[in-house]
Amino acid sequence: VFRELVAKGYDVLGIFISSQMSGTHDSAKSAKEMVLKEFPESRIEIIDSKTNCMALGIQVVEAAKAAQLGKSMDEVMEIALDIRKKVRFYFVPATLDYLIKGGRIGGASALIGSLLSIRPILYVNDGVTDVFAKVRGSSKAKDKIIEKLQEDVKRFGLKHLMVHNIYDYQQGLEFAARLSRQFKREVESMSIGPVIGAHVGPGAIGIVYCTDK
């Protein structure tokens, strides 16, 4: 793709899933080096989104909008990097089993959590998945996520907000409707793809949002 675009005279900006979650970013850097040997006058820039799913997607969409408005490569990159600082992704797995299998948390901690009905609220923190909080039950987990969202909206404003679900579209719609009522805006529910979904498991629910500042 890089070769095809630069051969047509385009500058290229690629924004990729967190380098700490996937090798795609490093592969893109290698591809860039190969193509620039063939087209040394071309410009290819690579950005590590330090996140995934629509937290990555928002960065891409805002960069694309800027490019369509005729912004320079440097300006588009600045916008993408600014958005990267403002996006948040919080989610709650329906079960800890997939996290255990993926090596995300220790087996003993997972067992205790299962016995006590503890739900970890996870978030993407500087490119890696981390635990934001632990609460009892999915209802309280959603309340906690909304509480965090409210805090950030009060401090920084709100530009984008959407719900993510994994193989539980109805739960996604219900959570999106709740957020729509509470924040007086349309909120879409989007399914997470199989690659990310396999690490978290079906029934997971979460939100992606981007603040104004």
Protein backbone atom coordinates (compact mmCIF):
# COMPACT_ATOMS: atom_id res chain seq x y z
CA VAL A 1 0.00 0.00 0.00
CA PHE A 2 2.80 2.42 0.88
CA ARG A 3 4.56 1.75 -2.43
CA GLU A 4 1.36 2.18 -4.42
CA LEU A 5 0.55 5.52 -2.79
CA VAL A 6 3.99 7.11 -2.95
CA ALA A 7 4.34 5.98 -6.56
CA LYS A 8 1.30 8.15 -7.27
CA GLY A 9 2.95 11.10 -5.53
CA TYR A 10 1.11 11.00 -2.21
CA ASP A 11 2.55 11.64 1.22
CA VAL A 12 1.44 8.83 3.53
CA LEU A 13 0.42 8.87 7.18
CA GLY A 14 -0.28 5.54 8.86
CA ILE A 15 -1.90 5.35 12.31
CA PHE A 16 -1.72 1.89 13.86
CA ILE A 17 -2.87 -0.15 16.83
CA SER A 18 -0.70 0.21 19.94
CA SER A 19 2.80 -1.15 19.38
CA GLN A 20 2.55 -2.83 22.78
CA MET A 21 -0.52 -4.79 21.68
CA SER A 22 0.47 -5.81 18.17
CA GLY A 23 3.44 -6.08 15.84
CA THR A 24 1.59 -4.14 13.14
CA HIS A 25 3.25 -0.84 14.05
CA ASP A 26 6.74 -2.31 13.79
CA SER A 27 5.84 -4.04 10.51
CA ALA A 28 4.68 -0.70 9.13
CA LYS A 29 7.99 0.91 10.11
CA SER A 30 9.86 -1.86 8.30
CA ALA A 31 7.67 -1.41 5.22
CA LYS A 32 8.31 2.33 5.34
CA GLU A 33 12.08 1.81 5.31
CA MET A 34 11.84 -0.57 2.36
CA VAL A 35 9.67 1.77 0.31
CA LEU A 36 11.81 4.83 1.05
CA LYS A 37 14.85 3.03 -0.34
CA GLU A 38 12.96 2.81 -3.61
CA PHE A 39 11.36 6.26 -3.36
CA PRO A 40 13.81 8.34 -1.25
CA GLU A 41 12.07 11.64 -2.01
CA SER A 42 8.75 10.44 -0.64
CA ARG A 43 7.35 11.05 2.82
CA ILE A 44 5.85 8.31 4.97
CA GLU A 45 4.99 8.93 8.60
CA ILE A 46 3.96 6.30 11.17
CA ILE A 47 2.03 7.04 14.38
CA ASP A 48 1.59 4.65 17.27
CA SER A 49 -2.01 5.24 18.38
CA LYS A 50 -1.20 3.74 21.80
CA THR A 51 -4.69 2.24 21.85
CA ASN A 52 -7.12 0.15 19.79
CA CYS A 53 -10.71 -0.16 18.54
CA MET A 54 -12.48 3.18 18.00
CA ALA A 55 -10.05 4.95 20.30
CA LEU A 56 -7.73 4.35 17.36
CA GLY A 57 -10.53 4.98 14.87
CA ILE A 58 -11.21 8.48 16.17
CA GLN A 59 -7.57 9.41 15.59
CA VAL A 60 -7.79 8.14 12.01
CA VAL A 61 -11.09 9.89 11.29
CA GLU A 62 -9.93 13.25 12.63
CA ALA A 63 -6.65 12.98 10.70
CA ALA A 64 -8.56 12.14 7.52
CA LYS A 65 -10.87 15.12 8.00
CA ALA A 66 -7.87 17.41 8.36
CA ALA A 67 -6.26 15.97 5.23
CA GLN A 68 -9.47 16.50 3.25
CA LEU A 69 -9.46 20.13 4.35
CA GLY A 70 -6.05 20.53 2.77
CA LYS A 71 -3.96 20.59 5.93
CA SER A 72 -0.25 19.86 5.55
CA MET A 73 1.27 16.58 6.71
CA ASP A 74 2.73 18.28 9.79
CA GLU A 75 -0.65 19.79 10.65
CA VAL A 76 -2.45 16.48 10.18
CA MET A 77 0.07 14.70 12.39
CA GLU A 78 -0.29 17.37 15.06
CA ILE A 79 -4.07 16.89 15.05
CA ALA A 80 -3.75 13.10 15.29
CA LEU A 81 -1.29 13.32 18.17
CA ASP A 82 -3.51 15.82 19.95
CA ILE A 83 -6.49 13.47 19.64
CA ARG A 84 -4.34 10.61 20.92
CA LYS A 85 -3.95 12.47 24.22
CA LYS A 86 -7.71 12.98 24.53
CA VAL A 87 -9.17 9.54 23.75
CA ARG A 88 -10.21 7.13 26.50
CA PHE A 89 -11.30 3.49 26.37
CA TYR A 90 -12.89 1.81 29.40
CA PHE A 91 -14.49 -1.63 29.27
CA VAL A 92 -15.82 -4.43 31.45
CA PRO A 93 -15.38 -8.11 30.54
CA ALA A 94 -18.33 -10.43 31.19
CA THR A 95 -15.96 -13.11 32.44
CA LEU A 96 -12.33 -13.26 33.49
CA ASP A 97 -11.70 -16.54 31.66
CA TYR A 98 -10.47 -14.96 28.43
CA LEU A 99 -8.15 -12.61 30.28
CA ILE A 100 -6.64 -15.57 32.13
CA LYS A 101 -6.10 -17.50 28.91
CA GLY A 102 -4.53 -14.45 27.34
CA GLY A 103 -2.19 -14.00 30.29
CA ARG A 104 -3.61 -10.59 31.16
CA ILE A 105 -4.11 -11.27 34.87
CA GLY A 106 -2.94 -13.94 37.29
CA GLY A 107 -5.02 -17.08 37.75
CA ALA A 108 -5.33 -16.61 41.53
CA SER A 109 -6.62 -13.07 41.21
CA ALA A 110 -9.11 -14.19 38.59
CA LEU A 111 -10.40 -17.01 40.80
CA ILE A 112 -10.99 -14.66 43.72
CA GLY A 113 -12.72 -12.19 41.45
CA SER A 114 -15.03 -14.87 40.07
CA LEU A 115 -15.98 -16.11 43.52
CA LEU A 116 -16.82 -12.65 44.78
CA SER A 117 -18.53 -11.50 41.57
CA ILE A 118 -15.91 -8.80 41.20
CA ARG A 119 -15.79 -7.11 37.81
CA PRO A 120 -12.56 -5.42 36.80
CA ILE A 121 -12.98 -2.24 34.79
CA LEU A 122 -10.14 -2.19 32.30
CA TYR A 123 -8.75 0.71 30.32
CA VAL A 124 -6.03 1.38 27.80
CA ASN A 125 -3.25 3.23 29.58
CA ASP A 126 -0.42 4.55 27.40
CA GLY A 127 -0.71 1.64 25.00
CA VAL A 128 -1.32 -1.22 27.42
CA THR A 129 -4.40 -2.72 29.07
CA ASP A 130 -4.56 -1.93 32.77
CA VAL A 131 -7.06 -2.21 35.62
CA PHE A 132 -8.91 1.03 36.36
CA ALA A 133 -11.10 -0.24 39.18
CA LYS A 134 -12.77 -3.34 40.62
CA VAL A 135 -16.43 -3.35 41.58
CA ARG A 136 -19.05 -5.94 42.42
CA GLY A 137 -21.43 -6.67 39.57
CA SER A 138 -21.84 -5.41 36.02
CA SER A 139 -24.38 -2.74 36.97
CA LYS A 140 -21.97 -1.05 39.37
CA ALA A 141 -19.22 -1.39 36.78
CA LYS A 142 -21.28 0.59 34.27
CA ASP A 143 -22.09 3.17 36.94
CA LYS A 144 -18.37 3.55 37.67
CA ILE A 145 -17.55 4.03 34.00
CA ILE A 146 -20.23 6.71 33.69
CA GLU A 147 -18.93 8.39 36.83
CA LYS A 148 -15.47 8.60 35.26
CA LEU A 149 -16.95 9.91 32.02
CA GLN A 150 -18.88 12.60 33.91
CA GLU A 151 -15.71 13.72 35.69
CA ASP A 152 -13.81 14.05 32.42
CA VAL A 153 -16.67 15.79 30.62
CA LYS A 154 -16.94 18.32 33.45
CA ARG A 155 -13.21 19.05 33.28
CA PHE A 156 -12.46 18.73 29.58
CA GLY A 157 -15.71 18.74 27.58
CA LEU A 158 -16.80 16.00 25.17
CA LYS A 159 -16.14 15.65 21.45
CA HIS A 160 -16.91 11.98 20.71
CA LEU A 161 -18.70 9.24 22.64
CA MET A 162 -19.61 5.69 21.62
CA VAL A 163 -20.28 2.29 23.13
CA HIS A 164 -18.37 -0.90 22.31
CA ASN A 165 -19.80 -4.36 22.80
CA ILE A 166 -18.60 -7.89 22.10
CA TYR A 167 -21.27 -10.25 20.76
CA ASP A 168 -23.98 -8.62 22.87
CA TYR A 169 -25.63 -6.06 20.65
CA GLN A 170 -28.69 -5.66 22.88
CA GLN A 171 -26.59 -4.75 25.91
CA GLY A 172 -24.71 -2.30 23.72
CA LEU A 173 -27.92 -0.65 22.53
CA GLU A 174 -29.26 -0.35 26.07
CA PHE A 175 -26.05 1.18 27.40
CA ALA A 176 -25.88 3.57 24.43
CA ALA A 177 -29.49 4.64 25.07
CA ARG A 178 -28.68 5.30 28.71
CA LEU A 179 -25.70 7.46 27.75
CA SER A 180 -27.77 9.28 25.12
CA ARG A 181 -30.34 10.26 27.73
CA GLN A 182 -27.74 11.25 30.29
CA PHE A 183 -25.45 13.25 28.01
CA LYS A 184 -28.12 14.60 25.64
CA ARG A 185 -26.48 13.35 22.46
CA GLU A 186 -26.71 10.48 20.01
CA VAL A 187 -24.52 7.56 21.08
CA GLU A 188 -23.81 4.66 18.74
CA SER A 189 -23.08 1.09 19.82
CA MET A 190 -20.37 -0.64 17.80
CA SER A 191 -19.25 -4.26 17.91
CA ILE A 192 -15.59 -5.01 18.60
CA GLY A 193 -13.91 -7.23 16.02
CA PRO A 194 -12.73 -10.81 16.62
CA VAL A 195 -9.03 -10.04 17.12
CA ILE A 196 -9.55 -7.76 20.12
CA GLY A 197 -12.71 -9.58 21.13
CA ALA A 198 -10.91 -12.90 21.52
CA HIS A 199 -8.75 -11.42 24.27
CA VAL A 200 -11.71 -10.09 26.26
CA GLY A 201 -14.56 -12.44 25.44
CA PRO A 202 -18.25 -12.15 24.51
CA GLY A 203 -20.54 -10.04 26.64
CA ALA A 204 -17.98 -7.31 27.31
CA ILE A 205 -19.22 -3.72 27.32
CA GLY A 206 -17.37 -0.42 27.32
CA ILE A 207 -17.10 3.13 26.07
CA VAL A 208 -14.73 5.11 23.92
CA TYR A 209 -14.74 8.87 24.19
CA CYS A 210 -12.66 11.87 23.24
CA THR A 211 -12.59 15.07 25.24
CA ASP A 212 -12.53 18.58 23.80
CA LYS A 213 -9.38 19.59 25.62
